[in-house]
Amino acid sequence: MALFSIQVKDVVERDMPQAEEWLACAMTSRRKEFAAGRICSAAALQALGGDSVWPPIAKPSRYPKFPKEFKGSITHTQECALACVGDAERYLAIGLDAEPMVEHAELEQMANHVLSPPELNQFKKMDRERALTFFYLCFSAKETLFKTLFPLCHTDMEFTESELTSWDDEGCFTLRLVTDRVSDRFENGTLFRGLWSVHAGTLLTLLALPRKQALPTLDSQLYVPDFSYGRP
């Protein structure tokens, strides 16, 4: 598995023509974020022995369509972009998400929309700093699960259809599926284990779904991106 990150500000003019072609109606800032993500995905593909290509946009769903030999995911904020790619013989799907941890005055209202009743009960008992981390972990982990499962199930999952059952300060989390809408592939109650970390005020989550039932041993250093990393 390979993971690359880049600062959006490091995207230069030579990177832009393909982004401008694919996102002709988008603002320049959005095209730069898009290009940054594709630069990272191309570097990750090349690191695993594939061609250094930009994954096209799957239509009509618009997720990145990786070469059939690989599974991968792309995420970006206004500041940075990341991509993670793995061998399709080993991984069924991969999800990756990055969320800037912004302090909102409406955090409680946002929590009511994103968190399940058990999650909300935990959230209300935490101090402000811990609650902020917990909220963004729940938000990001659920986004990552959606990005992992959508290419397999083509179902627009709601935040309430998964639940954070455990997390620790070592960077591990577990989500439980609480829906029957993807039961043709994943039973209600299925557990998904992923990794999380916080860098420069941004919370990152990663979920790699192996083809075998047993999760592989994960090298934590592989999954922690360095935001000071230069161009791939």
Protein backbone atom coordinates (compact mmCIF):
# COMPACT_ATOMS: atom_id res chain seq x y z
CA MET A 1 0.00 0.00 0.00
CA ALA A 2 1.21 3.52 -0.81
CA LEU A 3 0.09 6.89 0.53
CA PHE A 4 1.17 10.31 -0.74
CA SER A 5 0.31 13.84 0.31
CA ILE A 6 0.96 17.27 -1.17
CA GLN A 7 0.19 20.88 -0.31
CA VAL A 8 -2.37 22.35 -2.69
CA LYS A 9 -0.24 25.50 -2.98
CA ASP A 10 2.51 23.38 -4.57
CA VAL A 11 0.37 22.60 -7.63
CA VAL A 12 1.86 24.44 -10.61
CA GLU A 13 0.61 25.42 -14.07
CA ARG A 14 1.83 22.26 -15.78
CA ASP A 15 -0.45 20.25 -13.50
CA MET A 16 -3.58 22.16 -14.44
CA PRO A 17 -4.57 21.39 -18.09
CA GLN A 18 -6.16 18.00 -17.29
CA ALA A 19 -7.96 19.42 -14.26
CA GLU A 20 -9.25 22.29 -16.38
CA GLU A 21 -10.48 19.80 -18.99
CA TRP A 22 -12.30 17.58 -16.46
CA LEU A 23 -13.62 20.43 -14.29
CA ALA A 24 -14.18 23.12 -16.88
CA CYS A 25 -16.88 24.92 -14.88
CA ALA A 26 -15.12 24.77 -11.50
CA MET A 27 -13.30 27.61 -9.78
CA THR A 28 -9.51 27.70 -10.02
CA SER A 29 -9.14 26.78 -6.34
CA ARG A 30 -11.30 23.67 -6.83
CA ARG A 31 -9.30 22.63 -9.90
CA LYS A 32 -6.05 22.98 -7.93
CA GLU A 33 -7.41 20.79 -5.13
CA PHE A 34 -8.51 18.23 -7.73
CA ALA A 35 -5.11 18.29 -9.43
CA ALA A 36 -3.33 17.86 -6.08
CA GLY A 37 -5.35 14.74 -5.34
CA ARG A 38 -4.66 13.27 -8.78
CA ILE A 39 -0.93 14.04 -8.47
CA CYS A 40 -0.88 12.03 -5.24
CA SER A 41 -2.85 9.14 -6.71
CA ALA A 42 -0.57 8.97 -9.76
CA ALA A 43 2.48 8.88 -7.48
CA ALA A 44 0.92 6.12 -5.36
CA LEU A 45 0.09 4.05 -8.44
CA GLN A 46 3.65 4.44 -9.72
CA ALA A 47 5.07 3.46 -6.31
CA LEU A 48 3.17 0.16 -6.56
CA GLY A 49 4.41 -0.57 -10.07
CA GLY A 50 1.48 0.87 -12.00
CA ASP A 51 1.32 3.62 -14.58
CA SER A 52 1.52 7.18 -13.28
CA VAL A 53 -1.94 8.16 -14.48
CA TRP A 54 -4.77 10.30 -13.15
CA PRO A 55 -7.76 8.08 -12.27
CA PRO A 56 -10.74 9.25 -14.34
CA ILE A 57 -14.06 10.28 -12.81
CA ALA A 58 -16.59 7.44 -12.65
CA LYS A 59 -19.92 8.55 -14.07
CA PRO A 60 -22.50 9.37 -12.89
CA SER A 61 -21.25 8.93 -9.30
CA ARG A 62 -18.00 10.92 -9.73
CA TYR A 63 -15.70 8.87 -7.52
CA PRO A 64 -12.13 8.23 -8.79
CA LYS A 65 -11.98 5.11 -10.95
CA PHE A 66 -8.63 3.41 -10.39
CA PRO A 67 -7.07 0.90 -12.79
CA LYS A 68 -8.55 -2.58 -12.22
CA GLU A 69 -5.30 -3.85 -10.68
CA PHE A 70 -5.62 -1.31 -7.83
CA LYS A 71 -8.01 0.05 -5.23
CA GLY A 72 -7.64 3.54 -3.89
CA SER A 73 -9.11 6.71 -2.46
CA ILE A 74 -8.42 10.45 -2.73
CA THR A 75 -9.22 13.26 -0.32
CA HIS A 76 -8.39 16.93 -0.11
CA THR A 77 -8.97 20.07 1.90
CA GLN A 78 -8.28 23.64 0.83
CA GLU A 79 -4.71 23.19 2.09
CA CYS A 80 -3.64 19.63 1.26
CA ALA A 81 -4.48 16.51 -0.71
CA LEU A 82 -3.81 12.83 -0.06
CA ALA A 83 -4.24 9.58 -1.93
CA CYS A 84 -3.90 5.98 -0.79
CA VAL A 85 -3.64 3.05 -3.19
CA GLY A 86 -3.38 -0.70 -2.64
CA ASP A 87 -3.17 -3.88 -4.71
CA ALA A 88 -6.63 -5.12 -5.78
CA GLU A 89 -5.56 -8.71 -5.13
CA ARG A 90 -5.15 -7.82 -1.46
CA TYR A 91 -7.76 -5.11 -0.90
CA LEU A 92 -11.44 -5.09 -1.74
CA ALA A 93 -11.75 -1.34 -1.19
CA ILE A 94 -9.97 1.62 0.43
CA GLY A 95 -11.39 4.80 1.92
CA LEU A 96 -9.54 7.96 2.98
CA ASP A 97 -10.79 11.27 4.38
CA ALA A 98 -9.35 14.52 5.76
CA GLU A 99 -11.33 17.04 7.81
CA PRO A 100 -10.01 20.36 9.17
CA MET A 101 -10.96 20.51 12.85
CA VAL A 102 -12.73 23.88 12.85
CA GLU A 103 -14.36 25.12 16.04
CA HIS A 104 -17.98 25.92 15.09
CA ALA A 105 -20.44 27.78 17.27
CA GLU A 106 -23.03 25.36 15.89
CA LEU A 107 -21.05 22.24 16.85
CA GLU A 108 -23.89 20.87 18.98
CA GLN A 109 -26.39 21.27 16.14
CA MET A 110 -23.95 19.60 13.76
CA ALA A 111 -23.51 16.75 16.23
CA ASN A 112 -27.27 16.18 16.29
CA HIS A 113 -27.13 15.57 12.55
CA VAL A 114 -24.00 13.41 12.42
CA LEU A 115 -23.98 11.39 15.65
CA SER A 116 -26.12 8.44 16.67
CA PRO A 117 -27.88 8.54 20.09
CA PRO A 118 -25.07 6.54 21.81
CA GLU A 119 -22.41 8.74 20.16
CA LEU A 120 -24.32 11.88 21.11
CA ASN A 121 -24.53 10.69 24.72
CA GLN A 122 -20.72 10.35 24.82
CA PHE A 123 -20.24 13.69 23.08
CA LYS A 124 -22.31 15.57 25.68
CA LYS A 125 -20.20 14.19 28.55
CA MET A 126 -16.86 15.36 27.08
CA ASP A 127 -14.99 18.61 27.61
CA ARG A 128 -14.91 20.94 24.60
CA GLU A 129 -11.51 19.85 23.26
CA ARG A 130 -12.28 16.14 23.53
CA ALA A 131 -15.74 16.64 22.07
CA LEU A 132 -14.28 18.44 19.05
CA THR A 133 -11.94 15.53 18.32
CA PHE A 134 -14.73 12.99 18.86
CA PHE A 135 -17.11 14.82 16.54
CA TYR A 136 -14.62 15.09 13.70
CA LEU A 137 -13.50 11.50 14.18
CA CYS A 138 -17.12 10.32 13.88
CA PHE A 139 -17.69 12.58 10.86
CA SER A 140 -14.49 11.60 9.07
CA ALA A 141 -14.72 7.88 9.86
CA LYS A 142 -18.24 7.76 8.46
CA GLU A 143 -17.14 9.63 5.35
CA THR A 144 -14.30 7.14 4.95
CA LEU A 145 -16.70 4.21 5.31
CA PHE A 146 -18.96 5.73 2.66
CA LYS A 147 -16.00 6.17 0.28
CA THR A 148 -14.97 2.56 0.96
CA LEU A 149 -18.38 1.00 0.38
CA PHE A 150 -19.89 3.16 -2.36
CA PRO A 151 -17.86 1.70 -5.26
CA LEU A 152 -18.98 -1.77 -4.07
CA CYS A 153 -22.63 -1.08 -3.17
CA HIS A 154 -23.52 2.19 -4.97
CA THR A 155 -25.60 3.27 -1.98
CA ASP A 156 -25.63 6.83 -0.62
CA MET A 157 -25.27 6.06 3.06
CA GLU A 158 -26.44 8.44 5.78
CA PHE A 159 -24.39 9.37 8.84
CA THR A 160 -26.88 7.48 11.00
CA GLU A 161 -26.19 4.20 9.18
CA SER A 162 -22.87 3.59 10.95
CA GLU A 163 -21.74 4.07 14.52
CA LEU A 164 -18.37 4.56 16.19
CA THR A 165 -18.10 1.74 18.72
CA SER A 166 -14.51 2.25 19.86
CA TRP A 167 -11.51 4.53 19.39
CA ASP A 168 -8.23 5.08 21.16
CA ASP A 169 -5.40 7.57 21.33
CA GLU A 170 -3.11 5.12 19.51
CA GLY A 171 -4.96 5.90 16.29
CA CYS A 172 -7.41 3.01 15.90
CA PHE A 173 -11.19 3.12 15.55
CA THR A 174 -14.05 0.69 14.93
CA LEU A 175 -17.30 1.47 13.12
CA ARG A 176 -20.37 -0.74 13.20
CA LEU A 177 -22.81 -0.84 10.30
CA VAL A 178 -26.36 -0.16 11.50
CA THR A 179 -28.35 -0.51 8.28
CA ASP A 180 -29.75 -3.23 6.05
CA ARG A 181 -29.43 -1.16 2.88
CA VAL A 182 -26.13 -2.77 1.89
CA SER A 183 -27.00 -6.24 3.24
CA ASP A 184 -26.38 -7.85 -0.15
CA ARG A 185 -22.67 -7.25 0.53
CA PHE A 186 -22.37 -6.41 4.25
CA GLU A 187 -24.67 -7.54 7.05
CA ASN A 188 -26.14 -5.15 9.57
CA GLY A 189 -23.72 -5.15 12.49
CA THR A 190 -20.57 -5.66 10.42
CA LEU A 191 -17.52 -4.09 12.08
CA PHE A 192 -14.97 -2.04 10.15
CA ARG A 193 -11.62 -1.20 11.74
CA GLY A 194 -9.61 1.79 10.60
CA LEU A 195 -6.87 4.23 11.55
CA TRP A 196 -6.96 7.91 12.44
CA SER A 197 -4.53 10.70 13.27
CA VAL A 198 -4.40 14.48 13.58
CA HIS A 199 -1.83 16.58 11.73
CA ALA A 200 -1.68 20.36 11.59
CA GLY A 201 -5.25 20.68 12.80
CA THR A 202 -6.63 18.20 10.26
CA LEU A 203 -8.11 14.85 11.28
CA LEU A 204 -7.37 11.96 8.91
CA THR A 205 -9.07 8.58 8.71
CA LEU A 206 -8.19 5.51 6.66
CA LEU A 207 -10.05 2.26 6.13
CA ALA A 208 -8.54 -0.59 4.09
CA LEU A 209 -10.93 -3.49 3.53
CA PRO A 210 -8.96 -6.70 2.93
CA ARG A 211 -10.22 -9.45 0.65
CA LYS A 212 -9.54 -11.98 3.38
CA GLN A 213 -11.49 -11.92 6.65
CA ALA A 214 -8.43 -11.39 8.83
CA LEU A 215 -7.07 -7.86 8.77
CA PRO A 216 -3.41 -7.64 7.78
CA THR A 217 -0.81 -6.34 10.20
CA LEU A 218 -0.64 -2.59 9.62
CA ASP A 219 2.60 -0.62 9.69
CA SER A 220 1.50 2.63 11.34
CA GLN A 221 4.34 4.57 9.73
CA LEU A 222 2.91 3.80 6.31
CA TYR A 223 -0.38 5.47 7.12
CA VAL A 224 0.78 8.70 8.75
CA PRO A 225 1.24 11.33 6.01
CA ASP A 226 3.76 14.09 6.48
CA PHE A 227 2.17 17.40 5.51
CA SER A 228 5.63 18.86 4.97
CA TYR A 229 6.23 16.28 2.23
CA GLY A 230 7.02 17.89 -1.12
CA ARG A 231 5.85 16.97 -4.57
CA PRO A 232 5.66 13.20 -5.23
